[in-house]
C-alpha cells in the first residue's frame, strides 16, 4: 500500500518550519545587539599582549596561536618574546634545524607544536616567499594549521571577516545567545553556523568582535567563576535571563602529571635540550627510575620525531 500524506499536515509542517526559521533569524538579529557593548568593552579592557601589537605582524600572531594551544598566557609570554627575538621571520626559523625549535620551546608542553610551527615556517619560506599568507585556504594548506588557527591568523593579523571559535568564544555564545551554561565538549556544526551568523558585516568590526569575544570569555565569562557583574552584556545574556540554570559542565581533563609518561618525556627532553651534543643512553637513564616506562617514553619521543636515535646508543634533537 502506498502511503499518503495529509495535505493539511504537510502545510502545517511547512508553516512550522517557516516560523522556526523566522524565530532563528529574529534571535540572531537580537543577538547582534551584542556587538557594540562587547567591542566597546574590549577597547577599554583588552590586555596589552605582544601578539596584539601592530609590530607583531602575521608571523607573531601565528606563533602565538601555536603556543597558546592548551597553554596559559603567563607561560607563553617569556617563550614567545624569546622566540620572536631569535626568529623574527618565518625564514629565520626555517633555516634552523627542527631540533632548535624543540629546544627553544622549553617547558611549554606538547612539544610537537614546535615541530609543526617549524614545518609551517619552512612551507611559508618555500611556497610564499617568506610571508605568512593572507588567504584562509592557503593557511589551511600549511602543516599544522587547522580551521581555528587559519581563521585566527586572517582575522587578527589581516583584519578579515572570519568566525574564530575557541573554547572562550564558544562559552560566551553558549551563555549569551543559546542560554546554556556550557558549550558541548566538541565544536558542533550548529555552533559554527551561529558564529558565522553573528559576525558583523564589515571586516574591521568582525575582526574586533572575534578578539573581543575571546577576551570576554578569558577574563569575565570564565568556565567555573563567571563574573557577571563585570560583563557588558549581562542584561542581554540569555543564560542570565533564564535564571542562570546550572547544567553539567564539560568533562574536566585529568590534572595528574606526576608519574605519567608526559612527565618522563619532559625530563628526557630537558636533558636533550640542555646539550648541543648527542646524549648517551646512560645519561637519559638517570632521569627516571622505572626502565620500562622510561623506554616507552623515549620510544614515543622518537616516534613523534622529537628525538633522533644515533649509533652507539646516543640521542639528539632532530636536525632534519
C-alpha atoms as a PDB file:
ATOM      1  CA  UNK A   1       0.000   0.000   0.000  1.00  0.00           C
ATOM      2  CA  UNK A   2       1.282   3.432  -0.912  1.00  0.00           C
ATOM      3  CA  UNK A   3       1.406   5.887   1.994  1.00  0.00           C
ATOM      4  CA  UNK A   4      -0.456   9.129   1.533  1.00  0.00           C
ATOM      5  CA  UNK A   5       0.274  12.480   3.056  1.00  0.00           C
ATOM      6  CA  UNK A   6      -2.392  14.644   4.588  1.00  0.00           C
ATOM      7  CA  UNK A   7      -2.095  17.950   2.692  1.00  0.00           C
ATOM      8  CA  UNK A   8      -3.163  19.900   5.747  1.00  0.00           C
ATOM      9  CA  UNK A   9      -0.467  18.167   7.844  1.00  0.00           C
ATOM     10  CA  UNK A  10       2.212  18.944   5.254  1.00  0.00           C
ATOM     11  CA  UNK A  11       1.068  22.551   5.137  1.00  0.00           C
ATOM     12  CA  UNK A  12       1.254  22.788   8.919  1.00  0.00           C
ATOM     13  CA  UNK A  13       4.751  21.311   8.972  1.00  0.00           C
ATOM     14  CA  UNK A  14       5.893  23.771   6.308  1.00  0.00           C
ATOM     15  CA  UNK A  15       4.378  26.645   8.278  1.00  0.00           C
ATOM     16  CA  UNK A  16       6.140  25.453  11.435  1.00  0.00           C
ATOM     17  CA  UNK A  17       9.438  25.349   9.536  1.00  0.00           C
ATOM     18  CA  UNK A  18       8.941  28.917   8.343  1.00  0.00           C
ATOM     19  CA  UNK A  19       8.053  30.060  11.850  1.00  0.00           C
ATOM     20  CA  UNK A  20      11.127  28.249  13.207  1.00  0.00           C
ATOM     21  CA  UNK A  21      13.369  29.871  10.617  1.00  0.00           C
ATOM     22  CA  UNK A  22      11.867  33.289  11.340  1.00  0.00           C
ATOM     23  CA  UNK A  23      12.393  32.766  15.060  1.00  0.00           C
ATOM     24  CA  UNK A  24      16.027  31.773  14.495  1.00  0.00           C
ATOM     25  CA  UNK A  25      16.573  34.825  12.291  1.00  0.00           C
ATOM     26  CA  UNK A  26      14.976  37.004  14.930  1.00  0.00           C
ATOM     27  CA  UNK A  27      17.214  35.542  17.608  1.00  0.00           C
ATOM     28  CA  UNK A  28      20.321  36.280  15.531  1.00  0.00           C
ATOM     29  CA  UNK A  29      19.149  39.843  14.816  1.00  0.00           C
ATOM     30  CA  UNK A  30      18.598  40.329  18.538  1.00  0.00           C
ATOM     31  CA  UNK A  31      21.972  38.809  19.356  1.00  0.00           C
ATOM     32  CA  UNK A  32      23.694  41.250  17.030  1.00  0.00           C
ATOM     33  CA  UNK A  33      22.857  43.934  19.557  1.00  0.00           C
ATOM     34  CA  UNK A  34      25.754  42.398  21.494  1.00  0.00           C
ATOM     35  CA  UNK A  35      28.322  43.736  19.017  1.00  0.00           C
ATOM     36  CA  UNK A  36      28.699  47.291  20.256  1.00  0.00           C
ATOM     37  CA  UNK A  37      28.869  46.629  24.031  1.00  0.00           C
ATOM     38  CA  UNK A  38      31.334  43.752  23.618  1.00  0.00           C
ATOM     39  CA  UNK A  39      33.604  45.620  21.204  1.00  0.00           C
ATOM     40  CA  UNK A  40      33.474  48.754  23.377  1.00  0.00           C
ATOM     41  CA  UNK A  41      34.314  46.686  26.458  1.00  0.00           C
ATOM     42  CA  UNK A  42      37.291  45.202  24.630  1.00  0.00           C
ATOM     43  CA  UNK A  43      38.555  48.664  23.703  1.00  0.00           C
ATOM     44  CA  UNK A  44      38.642  49.589  27.389  1.00  0.00           C
ATOM     45  CA  UNK A  45      39.739  46.302  28.979  1.00  0.00           C
ATOM     46  CA  UNK A  46      41.818  44.298  26.487  1.00  0.00           C
ATOM     47  CA  UNK A  47      45.138  43.075  27.818  1.00  0.00           C
ATOM     48  CA  UNK A  48      48.255  44.527  26.230  1.00  0.00           C
ATOM     49  CA  UNK A  49      49.668  41.316  24.769  1.00  0.00           C
ATOM     50  CA  UNK A  50      52.652  41.396  22.400  1.00  0.00           C
ATOM     51  CA  UNK A  51      50.929  39.445  19.636  1.00  0.00           C
ATOM     52  CA  UNK A  52      48.176  42.064  19.554  1.00  0.00           C
ATOM     53  CA  UNK A  53      50.565  44.894  18.806  1.00  0.00           C
ATOM     54  CA  UNK A  54      50.925  46.048  15.182  1.00  0.00           C
ATOM     55  CA  UNK A  55      54.623  45.200  15.118  1.00  0.00           C
ATOM     56  CA  UNK A  56      53.854  41.528  15.810  1.00  0.00           C
ATOM     57  CA  UNK A  57      52.667  41.030  12.259  1.00  0.00           C
ATOM     58  CA  UNK A  58      51.150  37.853  10.894  1.00  0.00           C
ATOM     59  CA  UNK A  59      54.135  35.729  11.930  1.00  0.00           C
ATOM     60  CA  UNK A  60      53.849  36.890  15.530  1.00  0.00           C
ATOM     61  CA  UNK A  61      50.136  36.119  15.526  1.00  0.00           C
ATOM     62  CA  UNK A  62      50.747  32.660  14.068  1.00  0.00           C
ATOM     63  CA  UNK A  63      53.483  31.832  16.575  1.00  0.00           C
ATOM     64  CA  UNK A  64      51.265  32.930  19.462  1.00  0.00           C
ATOM     65  CA  UNK A  65      48.366  30.794  18.269  1.00  0.00           C
ATOM     66  CA  UNK A  66      50.554  27.683  18.184  1.00  0.00           C
ATOM     67  CA  UNK A  67      51.928  28.430  21.647  1.00  0.00           C
ATOM     68  CA  UNK A  68      48.602  29.280  23.268  1.00  0.00           C
ATOM     69  CA  UNK A  69      47.009  25.932  22.440  1.00  0.00           C
ATOM     70  CA  UNK A  70      46.297  24.325  25.834  1.00  0.00           C
ATOM     71  CA  UNK A  71      48.792  26.690  27.485  1.00  0.00           C
ATOM     72  CA  UNK A  72      48.027  29.783  29.628  1.00  0.00           C
ATOM     73  CA  UNK A  73      49.175  33.245  28.603  1.00  0.00           C
ATOM     74  CA  UNK A  74      51.572  33.729  31.523  1.00  0.00           C
ATOM     75  CA  UNK A  75      53.575  30.657  30.499  1.00  0.00           C
ATOM     76  CA  UNK A  76      53.612  31.637  26.832  1.00  0.00           C
ATOM     77  CA  UNK A  77      54.806  35.234  27.220  1.00  0.00           C
ATOM     78  CA  UNK A  78      58.526  34.661  28.001  1.00  0.00           C
ATOM     79  CA  UNK A  79      58.901  31.905  25.386  1.00  0.00           C
ATOM     80  CA  UNK A  80      57.070  33.978  22.760  1.00  0.00           C
ATOM     81  CA  UNK A  81      59.278  37.013  23.288  1.00  0.00           C
ATOM     82  CA  UNK A  82      62.493  34.973  23.086  1.00  0.00           C
ATOM     83  CA  UNK A  83      61.171  33.141  20.026  1.00  0.00           C
ATOM     84  CA  UNK A  84      60.361  36.316  18.074  1.00  0.00           C
ATOM     85  CA  UNK A  85      63.640  37.908  19.054  1.00  0.00           C
ATOM     86  CA  UNK A  86      65.545  34.919  17.702  1.00  0.00           C
ATOM     87  CA  UNK A  87      63.295  34.206  14.715  1.00  0.00           C
ATOM     88  CA  UNK A  88      61.526  37.438  13.726  1.00  0.00           C
ATOM     89  CA  UNK A  89      60.519  35.999  10.324  1.00  0.00           C
ATOM     90  CA  UNK A  90      59.401  32.551   9.184  1.00  0.00           C
ATOM     91  CA  UNK A  91      62.520  32.216   7.043  1.00  0.00           C
ATOM     92  CA  UNK A  92      64.716  32.666  10.119  1.00  0.00           C
ATOM     93  CA  UNK A  93      63.116  29.666  11.801  1.00  0.00           C
ATOM     94  CA  UNK A  94      63.007  27.674   8.568  1.00  0.00           C
ATOM     95  CA  UNK A  95      66.790  27.978   8.243  1.00  0.00           C
ATOM     96  CA  UNK A  96      67.308  26.249  11.593  1.00  0.00           C
ATOM     97  CA  UNK A  97      67.143  22.542  12.392  1.00  0.00           C
ATOM     98  CA  UNK A  98      63.760  21.459  13.767  1.00  0.00           C
ATOM     99  CA  UNK A  99      65.522  20.409  16.956  1.00  0.00           C
ATOM    100  CA  UNK A 100      66.294  24.061  17.668  1.00  0.00           C
ATOM    101  CA  UNK A 101      62.568  24.800  17.661  1.00  0.00           C
ATOM    102  CA  UNK A 102      62.074  21.987  20.168  1.00  0.00           C
ATOM    103  CA  UNK A 103      64.930  23.346  22.279  1.00  0.00           C
ATOM    104  CA  UNK A 104      63.500  26.878  22.296  1.00  0.00           C
ATOM    105  CA  UNK A 105      60.019  25.561  23.120  1.00  0.00           C
ATOM    106  CA  UNK A 106      61.291  24.949  26.627  1.00  0.00           C
ATOM    107  CA  UNK A 107      58.683  23.782  29.101  1.00  0.00           C
ATOM    108  CA  UNK A 108      55.561  24.939  27.256  1.00  0.00           C
ATOM    109  CA  UNK A 109      54.458  21.330  26.914  1.00  0.00           C
ATOM    110  CA  UNK A 110      53.085  19.433  23.931  1.00  0.00           C
ATOM    111  CA  UNK A 111      56.391  19.963  22.070  1.00  0.00           C
ATOM    112  CA  UNK A 112      55.099  18.523  18.804  1.00  0.00           C
ATOM    113  CA  UNK A 113      53.637  22.010  18.350  1.00  0.00           C
ATOM    114  CA  UNK A 114      57.210  23.261  17.952  1.00  0.00           C
ATOM    115  CA  UNK A 115      57.828  20.802  15.107  1.00  0.00           C
ATOM    116  CA  UNK A 116      54.555  21.809  13.442  1.00  0.00           C
ATOM    117  CA  UNK A 117      55.377  25.508  13.675  1.00  0.00           C
ATOM    118  CA  UNK A 118      58.825  24.807  12.237  1.00  0.00           C
ATOM    119  CA  UNK A 119      57.257  22.837   9.365  1.00  0.00           C
ATOM    120  CA  UNK A 120      54.820  25.688   8.723  1.00  0.00           C
ATOM    121  CA  UNK A 121      57.710  28.173   8.653  1.00  0.00           C
ATOM    122  CA  UNK A 122      59.527  26.067   6.057  1.00  0.00           C
ATOM    123  CA  UNK A 123      56.400  25.834   3.926  1.00  0.00           C
ATOM    124  CA  UNK A 124      55.916  29.615   4.156  1.00  0.00           C
ATOM    125  CA  UNK A 125      59.532  30.181   3.108  1.00  0.00           C
ATOM    126  CA  UNK A 126      59.277  27.738   0.202  1.00  0.00           C
ATOM    127  CA  UNK A 127      55.773  28.461  -1.101  1.00  0.00           C
ATOM    128  CA  UNK A 128      55.002  32.057  -0.115  1.00  0.00           C
ATOM    129  CA  UNK A 129      58.264  33.972  -0.354  1.00  0.00           C
ATOM    130  CA  UNK A 130      58.654  34.030   3.409  1.00  0.00           C
ATOM    131  CA  UNK A 131      55.393  35.908   4.034  1.00  0.00           C
ATOM    132  CA  UNK A 132      52.560  34.380   6.053  1.00  0.00           C
ATOM    133  CA  UNK A 133      49.732  34.055   3.506  1.00  0.00           C
ATOM    134  CA  UNK A 134      46.667  36.187   3.948  1.00  0.00           C
ATOM    135  CA  UNK A 135      44.247  33.763   2.306  1.00  0.00           C
ATOM    136  CA  UNK A 136      42.372  31.356   4.538  1.00  0.00           C
ATOM    137  CA  UNK A 137      42.725  28.411   2.113  1.00  0.00           C
ATOM    138  CA  UNK A 138      46.481  28.924   1.787  1.00  0.00           C
ATOM    139  CA  UNK A 139      46.860  28.960   5.556  1.00  0.00           C
ATOM    140  CA  UNK A 140      44.842  25.744   5.878  1.00  0.00           C
ATOM    141  CA  UNK A 141      47.254  24.086   3.447  1.00  0.00           C
ATOM    142  CA  UNK A 142      50.227  24.744   5.757  1.00  0.00           C
ATOM    143  CA  UNK A 143      51.473  21.914   8.006  1.00  0.00           C
ATOM    144  CA  UNK A 144      49.964  22.011  11.477  1.00  0.00           C
ATOM    145  CA  UNK A 145      47.389  24.707  10.661  1.00  0.00           C
ATOM    146  CA  UNK A 146      43.767  23.804  11.267  1.00  0.00           C
ATOM    147  CA  UNK A 147      40.493  25.672  10.876  1.00  0.00           C
ATOM    148  CA  UNK A 148      40.807  27.613  14.118  1.00  0.00           C
ATOM    149  CA  UNK A 149      44.413  28.749  13.555  1.00  0.00           C
ATOM    150  CA  UNK A 150      43.752  29.762   9.942  1.00  0.00           C
ATOM    151  CA  UNK A 151      40.714  31.813  10.966  1.00  0.00           C
ATOM    152  CA  UNK A 152      42.611  33.411  13.856  1.00  0.00           C
ATOM    153  CA  UNK A 153      45.527  34.484  11.669  1.00  0.00           C
ATOM    154  CA  UNK A 154      43.427  36.022   8.894  1.00  0.00           C
ATOM    155  CA  UNK A 155      41.213  37.732  11.459  1.00  0.00           C
ATOM    156  CA  UNK A 156      43.783  39.018  13.956  1.00  0.00           C
ATOM    157  CA  UNK A 157      46.682  39.654  11.572  1.00  0.00           C
ATOM    158  CA  UNK A 158      44.864  40.690   8.404  1.00  0.00           C
ATOM    159  CA  UNK A 159      41.588  42.072   9.764  1.00  0.00           C
ATOM    160  CA  UNK A 160      39.387  39.754   7.739  1.00  0.00           C
ATOM    161  CA  UNK A 161      35.865  38.571   8.477  1.00  0.00           C
ATOM    162  CA  UNK A 162      36.020  35.007   9.778  1.00  0.00           C
ATOM    163  CA  UNK A 163      34.379  33.147  12.639  1.00  0.00           C
ATOM    164  CA  UNK A 164      37.075  32.386  15.230  1.00  0.00           C
ATOM    165  CA  UNK A 165      35.808  29.689  17.589  1.00  0.00           C
ATOM    166  CA  UNK A 166      37.990  28.795  20.530  1.00  0.00           C
ATOM    167  CA  UNK A 167      36.763  27.486  23.891  1.00  0.00           C
ATOM    168  CA  UNK A 168      36.312  31.005  25.304  1.00  0.00           C
ATOM    169  CA  UNK A 169      34.231  32.228  22.368  1.00  0.00           C
ATOM    170  CA  UNK A 170      32.111  29.090  22.367  1.00  0.00           C
ATOM    171  CA  UNK A 171      31.332  29.591  26.053  1.00  0.00           C
ATOM    172  CA  UNK A 172      30.305  33.238  25.529  1.00  0.00           C
ATOM    173  CA  UNK A 173      27.982  32.289  22.675  1.00  0.00           C
ATOM    174  CA  UNK A 174      26.539  29.338  24.604  1.00  0.00           C
ATOM    175  CA  UNK A 175      25.573  31.585  27.507  1.00  0.00           C
ATOM    176  CA  UNK A 176      24.768  34.901  25.874  1.00  0.00           C
ATOM    177  CA  UNK A 177      22.884  33.565  22.846  1.00  0.00           C
ATOM    178  CA  UNK A 178      21.898  29.936  23.416  1.00  0.00           C
ATOM    179  CA  UNK A 179      21.127  30.194  27.138  1.00  0.00           C
ATOM    180  CA  UNK A 180      23.372  27.263  28.045  1.00  0.00           C
ATOM    181  CA  UNK A 181      25.908  27.386  30.850  1.00  0.00           C
ATOM    182  CA  UNK A 182      28.490  25.411  28.874  1.00  0.00           C
ATOM    183  CA  UNK A 183      29.050  24.623  25.201  1.00  0.00           C
ATOM    184  CA  UNK A 184      29.251  20.999  24.026  1.00  0.00           C
ATOM    185  CA  UNK A 185      32.500  19.142  24.599  1.00  0.00           C
ATOM    186  CA  UNK A 186      33.319  19.273  20.883  1.00  0.00           C
ATOM    187  CA  UNK A 187      32.535  22.074  18.443  1.00  0.00           C
ATOM    188  CA  UNK A 188      29.316  21.351  16.547  1.00  0.00           C
ATOM    189  CA  UNK A 189      28.051  22.393  13.138  1.00  0.00           C
ATOM    190  CA  UNK A 190      25.312  24.398  14.877  1.00  0.00           C
ATOM    191  CA  UNK A 191      27.943  26.400  16.783  1.00  0.00           C
ATOM    192  CA  UNK A 192      29.772  27.166  13.551  1.00  0.00           C
ATOM    193  CA  UNK A 193      26.563  28.319  11.891  1.00  0.00           C
ATOM    194  CA  UNK A 194      25.742  30.536  14.861  1.00  0.00           C
ATOM    195  CA  UNK A 195      29.241  32.036  14.904  1.00  0.00           C
ATOM    196  CA  UNK A 196      29.015  32.890  11.213  1.00  0.00           C
ATOM    197  CA  UNK A 197      25.529  34.357  11.645  1.00  0.00           C
ATOM    198  CA  UNK A 198      26.743  36.570  14.491  1.00  0.00           C
ATOM    199  CA  UNK A 199      29.646  38.068  12.546  1.00  0.00           C
ATOM    200  CA  UNK A 200      29.409  41.828  11.993  1.00  0.00           C
ATOM    201  CA  UNK A 201      29.078  42.690   8.330  1.00  0.00           C
ATOM    202  CA  UNK A 202      32.265  44.688   7.856  1.00  0.00           C
ATOM    203  CA  UNK A 203      35.743  43.189   8.119  1.00  0.00           C
ATOM    204  CA  UNK A 204      37.165  45.606  10.680  1.00  0.00           C
ATOM    205  CA  UNK A 205      34.319  45.196  13.176  1.00  0.00           C
ATOM    206  CA  UNK A 206      34.223  41.432  12.624  1.00  0.00           C
ATOM    207  CA  UNK A 207      37.926  41.203  13.444  1.00  0.00           C
ATOM    208  CA  UNK A 208      37.454  43.217  16.633  1.00  0.00           C
ATOM    209  CA  UNK A 209      34.409  41.147  17.541  1.00  0.00           C
ATOM    210  CA  UNK A 210      36.447  37.938  17.235  1.00  0.00           C
ATOM    211  CA  UNK A 211      39.162  39.241  19.551  1.00  0.00           C
ATOM    212  CA  UNK A 212      36.637  40.825  21.938  1.00  0.00           C
ATOM    213  CA  UNK A 213      34.512  37.707  22.445  1.00  0.00           C
ATOM    214  CA  UNK A 214      37.659  35.684  23.056  1.00  0.00           C
ATOM    215  CA  UNK A 215      38.876  38.157  25.668  1.00  0.00           C
ATOM    216  CA  UNK A 216      35.459  38.314  27.321  1.00  0.00           C
ATOM    217  CA  UNK A 217      35.475  34.551  27.729  1.00  0.00           C
ATOM    218  CA  UNK A 218      39.028  34.547  29.060  1.00  0.00           C
ATOM    219  CA  UNK A 219      38.600  37.325  31.622  1.00  0.00           C
ATOM    220  CA  UNK A 220      34.922  37.569  32.574  1.00  0.00           C
ATOM    221  CA  UNK A 221      32.743  34.762  31.214  1.00  0.00           C
ATOM    222  CA  UNK A 222      35.030  32.081  32.592  1.00  0.00           C
ATOM    223  CA  UNK A 223      34.203  28.398  32.875  1.00  0.00           C
ATOM    224  CA  UNK A 224      33.992  27.997  36.643  1.00  0.00           C
ATOM    225  CA  UNK A 225      33.628  31.509  38.021  1.00  0.00           C
ATOM    226  CA  UNK A 226      31.857  33.868  35.614  1.00  0.00           C
ATOM    227  CA  UNK A 227      31.959  37.468  36.831  1.00  0.00           C
ATOM    228  CA  UNK A 228      28.567  38.504  35.551  1.00  0.00           C
ATOM    229  CA  UNK A 229      28.678  41.777  37.477  1.00  0.00           C
ATOM    230  CA  UNK A 230      31.553  42.890  35.222  1.00  0.00           C
ATOM    231  CA  UNK A 231      30.005  41.637  31.989  1.00  0.00           C
ATOM    232  CA  UNK A 232      28.981  44.293  29.439  1.00  0.00           C
ATOM    233  CA  UNK A 233      26.133  42.119  28.131  1.00  0.00           C
ATOM    234  CA  UNK A 234      24.806  40.610  31.377  1.00  0.00           C
ATOM    235  CA  UNK A 235      21.405  42.260  30.902  1.00  0.00           C
ATOM    236  CA  UNK A 236      21.091  40.739  27.425  1.00  0.00           C
ATOM    237  CA  UNK A 237      22.554  37.325  28.271  1.00  0.00           C
ATOM    238  CA  UNK A 238      20.093  34.523  27.504  1.00  0.00           C
ATOM    239  CA  UNK A 239      21.528  32.358  30.278  1.00  0.00           C
ATOM    240  CA  UNK A 240      21.152  35.122  32.866  1.00  0.00           C
ATOM    241  CA  UNK A 241      17.654  35.989  31.649  1.00  0.00           C
ATOM    242  CA  UNK A 242      16.702  32.323  32.103  1.00  0.00           C
ATOM    243  CA  UNK A 243      17.848  32.466  35.738  1.00  0.00           C
ATOM    244  CA  UNK A 244      21.332  31.069  35.118  1.00  0.00           C
ATOM    245  CA  UNK A 245      20.235  27.420  35.194  1.00  0.00           C
ATOM    246  CA  UNK A 246      23.002  25.008  36.105  1.00  0.00           C
ATOM    247  CA  UNK A 247      23.972  22.391  33.583  1.00  0.00           C
ATOM    248  CA  UNK A 248      26.528  19.643  33.718  1.00  0.00           C
ATOM    249  CA  UNK A 249      29.818  21.191  32.713  1.00  0.00           C
ATOM    250  CA  UNK A 250      32.318  19.879  30.207  1.00  0.00           C
ATOM    251  CA  UNK A 251      34.324  16.926  31.409  1.00  0.00           C
ATOM    252  CA  UNK A 252      37.491  18.084  33.076  1.00  0.00           C
ATOM    253  CA  UNK A 253      40.716  16.691  31.727  1.00  0.00           C
ATOM    254  CA  UNK A 254      42.730  14.717  34.201  1.00  0.00           C
ATOM    255  CA  UNK A 255      45.006  17.044  36.119  1.00  0.00           C
ATOM    256  CA  UNK A 256      47.524  14.405  37.196  1.00  0.00           C
ATOM    257  CA  UNK A 257      51.025  14.876  35.813  1.00  0.00           C
ATOM    258  CA  UNK A 258      53.331  13.318  38.387  1.00  0.00           C
ATOM    259  CA  UNK A 259      54.345   9.818  37.413  1.00  0.00           C
ATOM    260  CA  UNK A 260      52.873   9.956  33.910  1.00  0.00           C
ATOM    261  CA  UNK A 261      54.610   9.294  30.605  1.00  0.00           C
ATOM    262  CA  UNK A 262      54.272  13.013  29.931  1.00  0.00           C
ATOM    263  CA  UNK A 263      56.448  13.759  32.932  1.00  0.00           C
ATOM    264  CA  UNK A 264      59.045  11.225  31.820  1.00  0.00           C
ATOM    265  CA  UNK A 265      59.049  12.631  28.274  1.00  0.00           C
ATOM    266  CA  UNK A 266      59.508  16.123  29.700  1.00  0.00           C
ATOM    267  CA  UNK A 267      62.511  15.057  31.745  1.00  0.00           C
ATOM    268  CA  UNK A 268      64.123  13.268  28.814  1.00  0.00           C
ATOM    269  CA  UNK A 269      63.608  16.289  26.571  1.00  0.00           C
ATOM    270  CA  UNK A 270      65.054  18.597  29.236  1.00  0.00           C
ATOM    271  CA  UNK A 271      68.326  16.655  29.153  1.00  0.00           C
ATOM    272  CA  UNK A 272      68.424  16.712  25.351  1.00  0.00           C
ATOM    273  CA  UNK A 273      67.563  20.419  25.163  1.00  0.00           C
ATOM    274  CA  UNK A 274      70.389  21.245  27.554  1.00  0.00           C
ATOM    275  CA  UNK A 275      73.037  19.584  25.389  1.00  0.00           C
ATOM    276  CA  UNK A 276      74.284  20.692  21.979  1.00  0.00           C
ATOM    277  CA  UNK A 277      75.976  17.303  21.579  1.00  0.00           C
ATOM    278  CA  UNK A 278      74.364  13.859  21.305  1.00  0.00           C
ATOM    279  CA  UNK A 279      73.424  12.442  24.685  1.00  0.00           C
ATOM    280  CA  UNK A 280      74.376   8.856  25.641  1.00  0.00           C
ATOM    281  CA  UNK A 281      71.725   6.449  26.820  1.00  0.00           C
ATOM    282  CA  UNK A 282      73.399   6.296  30.220  1.00  0.00           C
ATOM    283  CA  UNK A 283      72.622   9.990  30.822  1.00  0.00           C
ATOM    284  CA  UNK A 284      68.991   9.513  29.875  1.00  0.00           C
ATOM    285  CA  UNK A 285      68.750   6.510  32.184  1.00  0.00           C
ATOM    286  CA  UNK A 286      69.347   8.833  35.122  1.00  0.00           C
ATOM    287  CA  UNK A 287      66.171  10.865  34.636  1.00  0.00           C
ATOM    288  CA  UNK A 288      63.671   8.158  35.628  1.00  0.00           C
ATOM    289  CA  UNK A 289      63.917   5.147  37.889  1.00  0.00           C
ATOM    290  CA  UNK A 290      61.484   2.814  36.112  1.00  0.00           C
ATOM    291  CA  UNK A 291      63.158   1.345  32.987  1.00  0.00           C
ATOM    292  CA  UNK A 292      60.034   0.123  31.166  1.00  0.00           C
ATOM    293  CA  UNK A 293      58.242   3.471  31.428  1.00  0.00           C
ATOM    294  CA  UNK A 294      61.444   5.324  30.581  1.00  0.00           C
ATOM    295  CA  UNK A 295      61.973   3.238  27.449  1.00  0.00           C
ATOM    296  CA  UNK A 296      58.343   3.683  26.426  1.00  0.00           C
ATOM    297  CA  UNK A 297      58.589   7.455  26.818  1.00  0.00           C
ATOM    298  CA  UNK A 298      61.825   7.605  24.818  1.00  0.00           C
ATOM    299  CA  UNK A 299      60.357   5.428  22.064  1.00  0.00           C
ATOM    300  CA  UNK A 300      57.384   7.773  21.929  1.00  0.00           C
ATOM    301  CA  UNK A 301      59.647  10.807  21.506  1.00  0.00           C
ATOM    302  CA  UNK A 302      61.468   9.063  18.663  1.00  0.00           C
ATOM    303  CA  UNK A 303      58.174   8.051  17.030  1.00  0.00           C
ATOM    304  CA  UNK A 304      56.897  11.646  17.255  1.00  0.00           C
ATOM    305  CA  UNK A 305      60.018  12.958  15.523  1.00  0.00           C
ATOM    306  CA  UNK A 306      61.116  14.908  18.592  1.00  0.00           C
ATOM    307  CA  UNK A 307      64.280  12.852  19.141  1.00  0.00           C
ATOM    308  CA  UNK A 308      66.717  11.181  16.727  1.00  0.00           C
ATOM    309  CA  UNK A 309      68.473   7.942  17.702  1.00  0.00           C
ATOM    310  CA  UNK A 310      72.121   7.640  16.652  1.00  0.00           C
ATOM    311  CA  UNK A 311      74.627   4.827  16.516  1.00  0.00           C
ATOM    312  CA  UNK A 312      76.236   3.852  19.783  1.00  0.00           C
ATOM    313  CA  UNK A 313      73.109   4.362  21.871  1.00  0.00           C
ATOM    314  CA  UNK A 314      73.133   8.155  21.644  1.00  0.00           C
ATOM    315  CA  UNK A 315      70.259  10.583  21.060  1.00  0.00           C
ATOM    316  CA  UNK A 316      69.803  14.179  19.930  1.00  0.00           C
ATOM    317  CA  UNK A 317      67.137  16.650  18.951  1.00  0.00           C
ATOM    318  CA  UNK A 318      66.254  16.347  15.231  1.00  0.00           C
ATOM    319  CA  UNK A 319      68.447  18.038  12.625  1.00  0.00           C
ATOM    320  CA  UNK A 320      66.235  17.439   9.582  1.00  0.00           C
END
